[in-house]
Structure formats: structure tokens, C-alpha cells
Amino acid sequence: MGVPSSEMLRGRRLLVVDDSAVNLELAQYELEEAGAIVVRPSGAVEPLEAAADTAAAVRAAAETEVKRRTFDRSRVDMMRGYAETDDCRRAFLLSYFGEPFTPPCGRCDNCDSGRSDAPPEDVPFPVGTRVRHGSWGAGVIQRYDDDAIVVLFDEVGYKTLSLAVIRDRGLLEPD
């Protein structure tokens, strides 16, 4: 695979924070998706003549990368939540993958020790409902944790929100 050079990019320089092959490949992919470059089968990288605004394409690629990293961080937060939860672990895992399950399972460490509670009954949206938030867009209700609601938003990933705030301010509505 070719590595972009200033000659290939016609004097345009890219800021590369980490020059590892993986990061270069990712930057190359993002620039190709943004329409700034084309990667030939030989691995050569060439700018696209049709790219109207290379700077705008680079900004779009950078924004896409920021969104991807934010989404990935939300996934890590969910796994941290799994490790720290006192609720049914089976319900937690299944909700992460979008599968319905009514706890307790009676087989995980939290259910065995009696720490796991039954899910709340008075909820504004059933698990699996598509909702919309004013800033984060569309998402799906994943689960309820005591006084919080976990939503997987299409663009920003997982968010854990206060159930009281959701109710009081009407921050979520059916999509």
C-alpha cells in the first residue's frame, strides 16, 4: 500500500498525528470516502481532479474520524458499565446487542447474590422503541438502569440519561 507524499498530493500537506501504518491507512480511507483522493489497485494515492474543495474534503474526513472515535468511546463506556453493574448481566449484554430480555436471569453473579432488581415498570418508552433527541438525533432505547435510561443513538453512540430529566424536560420523543 502506498503512503501519501507531498508529490502525490500536489503540495498539499496533511497533519498526521501518529504515523503508524494503521493510522495512515485510516486517514487514507477517510480521505477516499470524502472524495479527496483515489487509491489505485497498485496502491498509488492520487488526488481527485473532480474534488471541488480539497480542504473541505479533509475537514469532512476529520469530522468523520471524530464521530467514529466518539462512538467507539461510548462502546467502551458500555463495557465499563457491564463490569460495574449491579443489575442482571444477561439483560445488560442482550440489551447491548439489541435483544429483548426481562431480568432476572437467575444465573449471573448479580442475580445469584440478590443484587439484581426487577426492571422498572413505569417507563416512558418500552425497550426497543425508536426515539429522537434534539441534539443527538434518532436512537433506540436499550435498557433502564434504576433511575437512568440507556439509548443507542445512530450518530453518537450510547448515552446514559437521567430518567427524571427525560420525563421533566421531554428530551426524547417517539421517532
N, C-alpha and C. Protein backbone atom coordinates (compact mmCIF):
# COMPACT_ATOMS: atom_id res chain seq x y z
N MET A 1 0.83 -1.17 0.00
CA MET A 1 0.00 0.00 0.00
C MET A 1 0.89 1.24 0.00
N GLY A 2 0.55 2.21 -0.82
CA GLY A 2 1.34 3.43 -0.92
C GLY A 2 1.07 4.36 0.25
N VAL A 3 2.08 5.12 0.60
CA VAL A 3 1.95 6.12 1.65
C VAL A 3 1.86 7.48 0.96
N PRO A 4 0.88 8.32 1.31
CA PRO A 4 0.76 9.61 0.65
C PRO A 4 2.04 10.43 0.82
N SER A 5 2.41 11.11 -0.23
CA SER A 5 3.57 12.01 -0.15
C SER A 5 3.12 13.37 -0.65
N SER A 6 3.94 14.40 -0.40
CA SER A 6 3.56 15.74 -0.84
C SER A 6 3.47 15.79 -2.36
N GLU A 7 4.27 15.00 -3.06
CA GLU A 7 4.19 14.99 -4.52
C GLU A 7 2.86 14.41 -4.98
N MET A 8 2.46 13.30 -4.38
CA MET A 8 1.20 12.67 -4.76
C MET A 8 0.01 13.56 -4.44
N LEU A 9 0.11 14.35 -3.40
CA LEU A 9 -1.00 15.21 -3.00
C LEU A 9 -0.81 16.63 -3.53
N ARG A 10 0.09 16.78 -4.50
CA ARG A 10 0.36 18.05 -5.18
C ARG A 10 0.63 19.20 -4.22
N GLY A 11 1.58 18.99 -3.33
CA GLY A 11 2.00 20.06 -2.45
C GLY A 11 1.11 20.26 -1.24
N ARG A 12 -0.02 19.61 -1.20
CA ARG A 12 -0.91 19.76 -0.03
C ARG A 12 -0.39 18.85 1.07
N ARG A 13 -0.26 19.41 2.25
CA ARG A 13 0.26 18.64 3.36
C ARG A 13 -0.88 18.25 4.29
N LEU A 14 -0.79 17.04 4.80
CA LEU A 14 -1.75 16.55 5.79
C LEU A 14 -1.07 16.51 7.13
N LEU A 15 -1.81 16.86 8.16
CA LEU A 15 -1.28 16.74 9.51
C LEU A 15 -1.51 15.32 9.97
N VAL A 16 -0.44 14.59 10.20
CA VAL A 16 -0.53 13.21 10.67
C VAL A 16 0.00 13.19 12.09
N VAL A 17 -0.89 12.88 13.03
CA VAL A 17 -0.51 12.89 14.44
C VAL A 17 0.35 11.70 14.78
N ASP A 18 -0.03 10.56 14.28
CA ASP A 18 0.70 9.32 14.55
C ASP A 18 0.95 8.67 13.19
N ASP A 19 2.19 8.43 12.84
CA ASP A 19 2.48 7.95 11.50
C ASP A 19 2.50 6.42 11.39
N SER A 20 1.79 5.73 12.27
CA SER A 20 1.75 4.28 12.16
C SER A 20 1.01 3.90 10.89
N ALA A 21 1.31 2.73 10.38
CA ALA A 21 0.68 2.26 9.14
C ALA A 21 -0.84 2.20 9.28
N VAL A 22 -1.33 1.81 10.45
CA VAL A 22 -2.77 1.71 10.66
C VAL A 22 -3.41 3.09 10.56
N ASN A 23 -2.83 4.09 11.21
CA ASN A 23 -3.39 5.44 11.17
C ASN A 23 -3.30 6.05 9.77
N LEU A 24 -2.21 5.80 9.06
CA LEU A 24 -2.10 6.29 7.69
C LEU A 24 -3.16 5.64 6.80
N GLU A 25 -3.36 4.35 6.99
CA GLU A 25 -4.37 3.65 6.21
C GLU A 25 -5.76 4.19 6.51
N LEU A 26 -6.03 4.46 7.79
CA LEU A 26 -7.32 5.02 8.18
C LEU A 26 -7.51 6.41 7.60
N ALA A 27 -6.48 7.26 7.66
CA ALA A 27 -6.57 8.59 7.08
C ALA A 27 -6.79 8.51 5.58
N GLN A 28 -6.11 7.61 4.94
CA GLN A 28 -6.26 7.40 3.50
C GLN A 28 -7.70 6.99 3.19
N TYR A 29 -8.24 6.07 3.96
CA TYR A 29 -9.62 5.61 3.76
C TYR A 29 -10.60 6.77 3.93
N GLU A 30 -10.41 7.57 4.99
CA GLU A 30 -11.32 8.69 5.24
C GLU A 30 -11.25 9.71 4.12
N LEU A 31 -10.05 10.00 3.61
CA LEU A 31 -9.91 10.95 2.51
C LEU A 31 -10.54 10.40 1.23
N GLU A 32 -10.42 9.11 1.02
CA GLU A 32 -11.04 8.49 -0.15
C GLU A 32 -12.56 8.57 -0.04
N GLU A 33 -13.10 8.29 1.16
CA GLU A 33 -14.54 8.38 1.38
C GLU A 33 -15.04 9.81 1.20
N ALA A 34 -14.22 10.79 1.57
CA ALA A 34 -14.60 12.20 1.46
C ALA A 34 -14.45 12.71 0.02
N GLY A 35 -13.89 11.91 -0.87
CA GLY A 35 -13.78 12.31 -2.26
C GLY A 35 -12.57 13.16 -2.59
N ALA A 36 -11.55 13.15 -1.74
CA ALA A 36 -10.36 13.96 -1.98
C ALA A 36 -9.28 13.20 -2.75
N ILE A 37 -9.23 11.89 -2.57
CA ILE A 37 -8.19 11.08 -3.21
C ILE A 37 -8.80 9.81 -3.77
N VAL A 38 -8.01 9.13 -4.59
CA VAL A 38 -8.36 7.81 -5.07
C VAL A 38 -7.14 6.92 -4.83
N VAL A 39 -7.39 5.70 -4.39
CA VAL A 39 -6.32 4.73 -4.18
C VAL A 39 -6.40 3.73 -5.33
N ARG A 40 -5.38 3.69 -6.13
CA ARG A 40 -5.33 2.80 -7.29
C ARG A 40 -5.04 1.37 -6.84
N PRO A 41 -5.39 0.38 -7.66
CA PRO A 41 -5.10 -1.02 -7.31
C PRO A 41 -3.63 -1.27 -7.00
N SER A 42 -2.75 -0.48 -7.59
CA SER A 42 -1.32 -0.63 -7.33
C SER A 42 -0.93 -0.11 -5.95
N GLY A 43 -1.86 0.64 -5.31
CA GLY A 43 -1.57 1.23 -4.01
C GLY A 43 -1.21 2.71 -4.11
N ALA A 44 -1.04 3.19 -5.33
CA ALA A 44 -0.71 4.60 -5.52
C ALA A 44 -1.89 5.47 -5.08
N VAL A 45 -1.59 6.60 -4.45
CA VAL A 45 -2.60 7.53 -3.98
C VAL A 45 -2.53 8.77 -4.85
N GLU A 46 -3.68 9.15 -5.41
CA GLU A 46 -3.72 10.32 -6.29
C GLU A 46 -4.88 11.22 -5.89
N PRO A 47 -4.67 12.54 -6.00
CA PRO A 47 -5.79 13.46 -5.72
C PRO A 47 -6.83 13.35 -6.83
N LEU A 48 -8.06 13.56 -6.48
CA LEU A 48 -9.12 13.56 -7.48
C LEU A 48 -9.25 14.96 -8.06
N GLU A 49 -9.15 15.04 -9.36
CA GLU A 49 -9.28 16.35 -10.03
C GLU A 49 -10.67 16.92 -9.81
N ALA A 50 -11.66 16.04 -9.69
CA ALA A 50 -13.05 16.49 -9.55
C ALA A 50 -13.36 17.00 -8.14
N ALA A 51 -12.44 16.79 -7.20
CA ALA A 51 -12.68 17.26 -5.84
C ALA A 51 -12.71 18.79 -5.86
N ALA A 52 -13.89 19.36 -5.65
CA ALA A 52 -14.07 20.81 -5.75
C ALA A 52 -13.26 21.55 -4.69
N ASP A 53 -13.25 21.03 -3.49
CA ASP A 53 -12.57 21.72 -2.40
C ASP A 53 -11.86 20.69 -1.53
N THR A 54 -10.58 20.53 -1.77
CA THR A 54 -9.80 19.54 -1.03
C THR A 54 -9.82 19.82 0.47
N ALA A 55 -9.74 21.09 0.85
CA ALA A 55 -9.75 21.44 2.27
C ALA A 55 -11.06 21.01 2.92
N ALA A 56 -12.16 21.20 2.21
CA ALA A 56 -13.47 20.78 2.75
C ALA A 56 -13.52 19.26 2.87
N ALA A 57 -12.94 18.55 1.91
CA ALA A 57 -12.92 17.09 1.97
C ALA A 57 -12.08 16.61 3.15
N VAL A 58 -10.97 17.27 3.40
CA VAL A 58 -10.12 16.91 4.54
C VAL A 58 -10.87 17.18 5.84
N ARG A 59 -11.56 18.33 5.93
CA ARG A 59 -12.36 18.62 7.14
C ARG A 59 -13.44 17.57 7.34
N ALA A 60 -14.11 17.17 6.25
CA ALA A 60 -15.17 16.15 6.35
C ALA A 60 -14.58 14.83 6.84
N ALA A 61 -13.39 14.48 6.34
CA ALA A 61 -12.75 13.24 6.78
C ALA A 61 -12.39 13.31 8.26
N ALA A 62 -11.90 14.47 8.70
CA ALA A 62 -11.55 14.64 10.11
C ALA A 62 -12.79 14.56 10.99
N GLU A 63 -13.89 15.16 10.56
CA GLU A 63 -15.14 15.11 11.32
C GLU A 63 -15.66 13.68 11.42
N THR A 64 -15.55 12.94 10.34
CA THR A 64 -15.97 11.53 10.35
C THR A 64 -15.16 10.74 11.36
N GLU A 65 -13.86 11.00 11.42
CA GLU A 65 -13.00 10.30 12.37
C GLU A 65 -13.35 10.66 13.80
N VAL A 66 -13.64 11.92 14.07
CA VAL A 66 -14.04 12.33 15.42
C VAL A 66 -15.33 11.62 15.82
N LYS A 67 -16.30 11.54 14.91
CA LYS A 67 -17.56 10.85 15.19
C LYS A 67 -17.31 9.37 15.48
N ARG A 68 -16.44 8.75 14.68
CA ARG A 68 -16.14 7.32 14.89
C ARG A 68 -15.52 7.09 16.25
N ARG A 69 -14.57 7.95 16.63
CA ARG A 69 -13.92 7.79 17.94
C ARG A 69 -14.89 8.02 19.08
N THR A 70 -15.79 8.99 18.94
CA THR A 70 -16.80 9.24 19.97
C THR A 70 -17.70 8.03 20.12
N PHE A 71 -18.13 7.46 19.01
CA PHE A 71 -18.97 6.27 19.04
C PHE A 71 -18.23 5.11 19.70
N ASP A 72 -16.97 4.92 19.33
CA ASP A 72 -16.18 3.84 19.93
C ASP A 72 -16.00 4.03 21.43
N ARG A 73 -15.79 5.29 21.87
CA ARG A 73 -15.67 5.56 23.30
C ARG A 73 -16.96 5.19 24.04
N SER A 74 -18.10 5.42 23.40
CA SER A 74 -19.36 5.07 24.05
C SER A 74 -19.47 3.56 24.23
N ARG A 75 -18.90 2.81 23.31
CA ARG A 75 -18.90 1.34 23.45
C ARG A 75 -18.04 0.90 24.63
N VAL A 76 -16.90 1.55 24.79
CA VAL A 76 -16.03 1.25 25.94
C VAL A 76 -16.76 1.59 27.24
N ASP A 77 -17.47 2.71 27.25
CA ASP A 77 -18.24 3.09 28.44
C ASP A 77 -19.29 2.04 28.76
N MET A 78 -19.90 1.46 27.74
CA MET A 78 -20.90 0.42 27.99
C MET A 78 -20.26 -0.83 28.59
N MET A 79 -19.08 -1.19 28.15
CA MET A 79 -18.42 -2.36 28.72
C MET A 79 -17.97 -2.09 30.15
N ARG A 80 -17.59 -0.85 30.43
CA ARG A 80 -17.28 -0.46 31.81
C ARG A 80 -18.56 -0.59 32.66
N GLY A 81 -19.68 -0.17 32.09
CA GLY A 81 -20.96 -0.29 32.78
C GLY A 81 -21.30 -1.74 33.08
N TYR A 82 -20.98 -2.64 32.15
CA TYR A 82 -21.22 -4.07 32.37
C TYR A 82 -20.42 -4.55 33.58
N ALA A 83 -19.16 -4.15 33.65
CA ALA A 83 -18.30 -4.58 34.75
C ALA A 83 -18.79 -4.05 36.09
N GLU A 84 -19.42 -2.87 36.08
CA GLU A 84 -19.80 -2.22 37.33
C GLU A 84 -21.28 -2.39 37.70
N THR A 85 -22.07 -3.01 36.83
CA THR A 85 -23.50 -3.08 37.10
C THR A 85 -23.84 -4.01 38.26
N ASP A 86 -24.90 -3.63 38.97
CA ASP A 86 -25.46 -4.50 39.99
C ASP A 86 -26.71 -5.19 39.47
N ASP A 87 -27.08 -4.89 38.23
CA ASP A 87 -28.26 -5.50 37.62
C ASP A 87 -27.88 -6.80 36.93
N CYS A 88 -28.86 -7.44 36.37
CA CYS A 88 -28.68 -8.72 35.67
C CYS A 88 -27.72 -8.55 34.50
N ARG A 89 -26.64 -9.30 34.52
CA ARG A 89 -25.63 -9.18 33.47
C ARG A 89 -26.14 -9.72 32.13
N ARG A 90 -26.96 -10.73 32.17
CA ARG A 90 -27.51 -11.26 30.92
C ARG A 90 -28.38 -10.21 30.24
N ALA A 91 -29.22 -9.54 31.02
CA ALA A 91 -30.07 -8.49 30.46
C ALA A 91 -29.21 -7.36 29.89
N PHE A 92 -28.12 -7.02 30.60
CA PHE A 92 -27.22 -5.97 30.14
C PHE A 92 -26.62 -6.32 28.79
N LEU A 93 -26.06 -7.52 28.68
CA LEU A 93 -25.43 -7.95 27.42
C LEU A 93 -26.43 -8.04 26.28
N LEU A 94 -27.57 -8.62 26.55
CA LEU A 94 -28.56 -8.76 25.49
C LEU A 94 -29.07 -7.41 25.02
N SER A 95 -29.24 -6.46 25.95
CA SER A 95 -29.69 -5.12 25.53
C SER A 95 -28.62 -4.43 24.71
N TYR A 96 -27.34 -4.67 25.02
CA TYR A 96 -26.24 -4.09 24.24
C TYR A 96 -26.35 -4.51 22.78
N PHE A 97 -26.76 -5.76 22.56
CA PHE A 97 -26.89 -6.27 21.19
C PHE A 97 -28.31 -6.12 20.64
N GLY A 98 -29.16 -5.39 21.36
CA GLY A 98 -30.49 -5.09 20.87
C GLY A 98 -31.50 -6.21 21.02
N GLU A 99 -31.22 -7.17 21.88
CA GLU A 99 -32.12 -8.30 22.09
C GLU A 99 -32.96 -8.08 23.34
N PRO A 100 -34.25 -8.33 23.26
CA PRO A 100 -35.10 -8.16 24.45
C PRO A 100 -34.90 -9.30 25.45
N PHE A 101 -34.97 -8.95 26.72
CA PHE A 101 -34.88 -9.94 27.80
C PHE A 101 -35.40 -9.29 29.06
N THR A 102 -36.24 -10.00 29.78
CA THR A 102 -36.76 -9.49 31.05
C THR A 102 -36.02 -10.16 32.19
N PRO A 103 -35.22 -9.39 32.94
CA PRO A 103 -34.48 -9.96 34.06
C PRO A 103 -35.42 -10.24 35.23
N PRO A 104 -34.98 -10.96 36.20
CA PRO A 104 -33.64 -11.52 36.38
C PRO A 104 -33.48 -12.86 35.67
N CYS A 105 -32.23 -13.18 35.33
CA CYS A 105 -31.95 -14.45 34.66
C CYS A 105 -31.80 -15.58 35.68
N GLY A 106 -31.38 -15.21 36.89
CA GLY A 106 -31.19 -16.22 37.92
C GLY A 106 -29.90 -17.00 37.79
N ARG A 107 -29.03 -16.62 36.87
CA ARG A 107 -27.79 -17.37 36.63
C ARG A 107 -26.52 -16.55 36.70
N CYS A 108 -26.63 -15.23 36.64
CA CYS A 108 -25.40 -14.41 36.71
C CYS A 108 -25.07 -14.12 38.17
N ASP A 109 -23.88 -13.59 38.41
CA ASP A 109 -23.45 -13.32 39.78
C ASP A 109 -24.37 -12.34 40.49
N ASN A 110 -24.89 -11.35 39.79
CA ASN A 110 -25.76 -10.37 40.43
C ASN A 110 -27.13 -10.95 40.79
N CYS A 111 -27.66 -11.78 39.92
CA CYS A 111 -28.94 -12.43 40.23
C CYS A 111 -28.76 -13.44 41.37
N ASP A 112 -27.66 -14.21 41.32
CA ASP A 112 -27.39 -15.20 42.37
C ASP A 112 -27.24 -14.55 43.74
N SER A 113 -26.65 -13.35 43.78
CA SER A 113 -26.43 -12.70 45.07
C SER A 113 -27.62 -11.86 45.52
N GLY A 114 -28.64 -11.75 44.68
CA GLY A 114 -29.83 -10.98 45.04
C GLY A 114 -29.68 -9.48 44.81
N ARG A 115 -28.61 -9.05 44.16
CA ARG A 115 -28.42 -7.61 43.90
C ARG A 115 -29.28 -7.11 42.75
N SER A 116 -29.62 -7.98 41.83
CA SER A 116 -30.36 -7.58 40.64
C SER A 116 -31.82 -7.33 40.99
N ASP A 117 -32.32 -6.18 40.55
CA ASP A 117 -33.72 -5.83 40.78
C ASP A 117 -34.53 -6.11 39.53
N ALA A 118 -35.83 -6.21 39.71
CA ALA A 118 -36.72 -6.31 38.56
C ALA A 118 -36.68 -4.98 37.81
N PRO A 119 -36.88 -5.01 36.50
CA PRO A 119 -36.85 -3.76 35.74
C PRO A 119 -37.98 -2.84 36.16
N PRO A 120 -37.80 -1.53 36.01
CA PRO A 120 -38.87 -0.60 36.37
C PRO A 120 -40.09 -0.82 35.47
N GLU A 121 -41.26 -0.61 36.04
CA GLU A 121 -42.48 -0.83 35.26
C GLU A 121 -43.01 0.45 34.64
N ASP A 122 -42.82 1.58 35.31
CA ASP A 122 -43.33 2.85 34.83
C ASP A 122 -42.24 3.56 34.02
N VAL A 123 -42.14 3.22 32.73
CA VAL A 123 -41.11 3.80 31.88
C VAL A 123 -41.78 4.57 30.73
N PRO A 124 -41.14 5.65 30.28
CA PRO A 124 -41.76 6.45 29.22
C PRO A 124 -41.80 5.75 27.85
N PHE A 125 -40.82 4.87 27.59
CA PHE A 125 -40.75 4.17 26.32
C PHE A 125 -40.34 2.72 26.58
N PRO A 126 -40.98 1.77 25.93
CA PRO A 126 -40.52 0.39 26.07
C PRO A 126 -39.12 0.20 25.46
N VAL A 127 -38.38 -0.76 25.96
CA VAL A 127 -37.08 -1.11 25.40
C VAL A 127 -37.30 -1.48 23.93
N GLY A 128 -36.41 -0.99 23.07
CA GLY A 128 -36.51 -1.25 21.64
C GLY A 128 -37.21 -0.16 20.86
N THR A 129 -37.79 0.83 21.55
CA THR A 129 -38.50 1.91 20.88
C THR A 129 -37.51 2.88 20.24
N ARG A 130 -37.81 3.32 19.00
CA ARG A 130 -37.01 4.36 18.35
C ARG A 130 -37.46 5.70 18.87
N VAL A 131 -36.49 6.51 19.27
CA VAL A 131 -36.76 7.84 19.82
C VAL A 131 -35.89 8.87 19.12
N ARG A 132 -36.17 10.14 19.38
CA ARG A 132 -35.38 11.24 18.82
C ARG A 132 -35.05 12.23 19.92
N HIS A 133 -33.80 12.69 19.90
CA HIS A 133 -33.31 13.71 20.83
C HIS A 133 -32.98 14.95 20.00
N GLY A 134 -33.20 16.12 20.55
CA GLY A 134 -32.97 17.37 19.82
C GLY A 134 -31.55 17.55 19.31
N SER A 135 -30.55 17.10 20.06
CA SER A 135 -29.15 17.27 19.65
C SER A 135 -28.53 16.02 19.06
N TRP A 136 -28.89 14.86 19.58
CA TRP A 136 -28.22 13.62 19.18
C TRP A 136 -28.96 12.84 18.11
N GLY A 137 -30.14 13.28 17.72
CA GLY A 137 -30.86 12.63 16.63
C GLY A 137 -31.60 11.38 17.07
N ALA A 138 -31.72 10.44 16.13
CA ALA A 138 -32.50 9.22 16.33
C ALA A 138 -31.69 8.17 17.09
N GLY A 139 -32.41 7.36 17.86
CA GLY A 139 -31.77 6.27 18.60
C GLY A 139 -32.78 5.24 19.04
N VAL A 140 -32.30 4.24 19.74
CA VAL A 140 -33.13 3.13 20.22
C VAL A 140 -32.93 2.98 21.72
N ILE A 141 -34.04 2.84 22.46
CA ILE A 141 -33.96 2.59 23.89
C ILE A 141 -33.36 1.20 24.09
N GLN A 142 -32.25 1.14 24.83
CA GLN A 142 -31.57 -0.14 25.06
C GLN A 142 -31.98 -0.79 26.37
N ARG A 143 -32.03 0.02 27.45
CA ARG A 143 -32.40 -0.54 28.75
C ARG A 143 -32.60 0.58 29.75
N TYR A 144 -33.12 0.19 30.90
CA TYR A 144 -33.28 1.09 32.04
C TYR A 144 -32.40 0.59 33.16
N ASP A 145 -31.65 1.49 33.78
CA ASP A 145 -30.81 1.18 34.93
C ASP A 145 -31.26 2.07 36.08
N ASP A 146 -32.01 1.52 37.01
CA ASP A 146 -32.50 2.26 38.17
C ASP A 146 -33.16 3.56 37.73
N ASP A 147 -32.48 4.68 37.92
CA ASP A 147 -33.05 5.99 37.59
C ASP A 147 -32.46 6.56 36.30
N ALA A 148 -31.98 5.69 35.42
CA ALA A 148 -31.37 6.14 34.17
C ALA A 148 -31.91 5.32 33.00
N ILE A 149 -31.78 5.90 31.82
CA ILE A 149 -32.18 5.25 30.58
C ILE A 149 -30.97 5.23 29.66
N VAL A 150 -30.73 4.11 28.99
CA VAL A 150 -29.60 3.99 28.06
C VAL A 150 -30.17 3.95 26.65
N VAL A 151 -29.67 4.87 25.81
CA VAL A 151 -30.13 4.98 24.43
C VAL A 151 -28.93 4.84 23.51
N LEU A 152 -29.08 4.03 22.46
CA LEU A 152 -28.06 3.93 21.43
C LEU A 152 -28.47 4.85 20.30
N PHE A 153 -27.78 6.01 20.20
CA PHE A 153 -28.07 6.97 19.14
C PHE A 153 -27.30 6.60 17.89
N ASP A 154 -27.95 6.74 16.74
CA ASP A 154 -27.35 6.34 15.47
C ASP A 154 -26.02 7.04 15.19
N GLU A 155 -25.92 8.31 15.53
CA GLU A 155 -24.74 9.09 15.19
C GLU A 155 -23.69 9.20 16.29
N VAL A 156 -24.12 9.21 17.56
CA VAL A 156 -23.17 9.48 18.65
C VAL A 156 -22.93 8.30 19.58
N GLY A 157 -23.63 7.20 19.37
CA GLY A 157 -23.41 6.03 20.19
C GLY A 157 -24.28 6.01 21.43
N TYR A 158 -23.80 5.33 22.46
CA TYR A 158 -24.57 5.12 23.68
C TYR A 158 -24.52 6.34 24.58
N LYS A 159 -25.68 6.68 25.11
CA LYS A 159 -25.78 7.76 26.10
C LYS A 159 -26.64 7.26 27.25
N THR A 160 -26.20 7.51 28.47
CA THR A 160 -26.97 7.19 29.67
C THR A 160 -27.54 8.49 30.19
N LEU A 161 -28.86 8.56 30.25
CA LEU A 161 -29.56 9.80 30.59
C LEU A 161 -30.40 9.60 31.84
N SER A 162 -30.55 10.65 32.61
CA SER A 162 -31.38 10.62 33.80
C SER A 162 -32.84 10.47 33.40
N LEU A 163 -33.49 9.49 33.97
CA LEU A 163 -34.90 9.25 33.67
C LEU A 163 -35.76 10.43 34.12
N ALA A 164 -35.42 11.01 35.28
CA ALA A 164 -36.18 12.17 35.78
C ALA A 164 -36.06 13.35 34.82
N VAL A 165 -34.87 13.60 34.31
CA VAL A 165 -34.67 14.73 33.39
C VAL A 165 -35.40 14.47 32.07
N ILE A 166 -35.35 13.25 31.60
CA ILE A 166 -36.07 12.89 30.37
C ILE A 166 -37.55 13.17 30.54
N ARG A 167 -38.10 12.77 31.67
CA ARG A 167 -39.53 12.99 31.93
C ARG A 167 -39.85 14.48 32.10
N ASP A 168 -39.06 15.16 32.93
CA ASP A 168 -39.34 16.56 33.25
C ASP A 168 -39.21 17.49 32.04
N ARG A 169 -38.20 17.24 31.22
CA ARG A 169 -37.92 18.16 30.11
C ARG A 169 -38.39 17.64 28.75
N GLY A 170 -38.90 16.42 28.72
CA GLY A 170 -39.37 15.86 27.45
C GLY A 170 -38.28 15.80 26.40
N LEU A 171 -37.08 15.35 26.81
CA LEU A 171 -35.94 15.36 25.89
C LEU A 171 -36.01 14.29 24.80
N LEU A 172 -36.79 13.28 25.00
CA LEU A 172 -36.95 12.23 24.00
C LEU A 172 -38.39 12.17 23.53
N GLU A 173 -38.55 11.95 22.25
CA GLU A 173 -39.89 11.75 21.71
C GLU A 173 -39.86 10.58 20.74
N PRO A 174 -40.99 9.92 20.53
CA PRO A 174 -41.01 8.79 19.60
C PRO A 174 -40.56 9.23 18.21
N ASP A 175 -39.79 8.40 17.55
CA ASP A 175 -39.29 8.73 16.21
C ASP A 175 -40.21 8.15 15.15
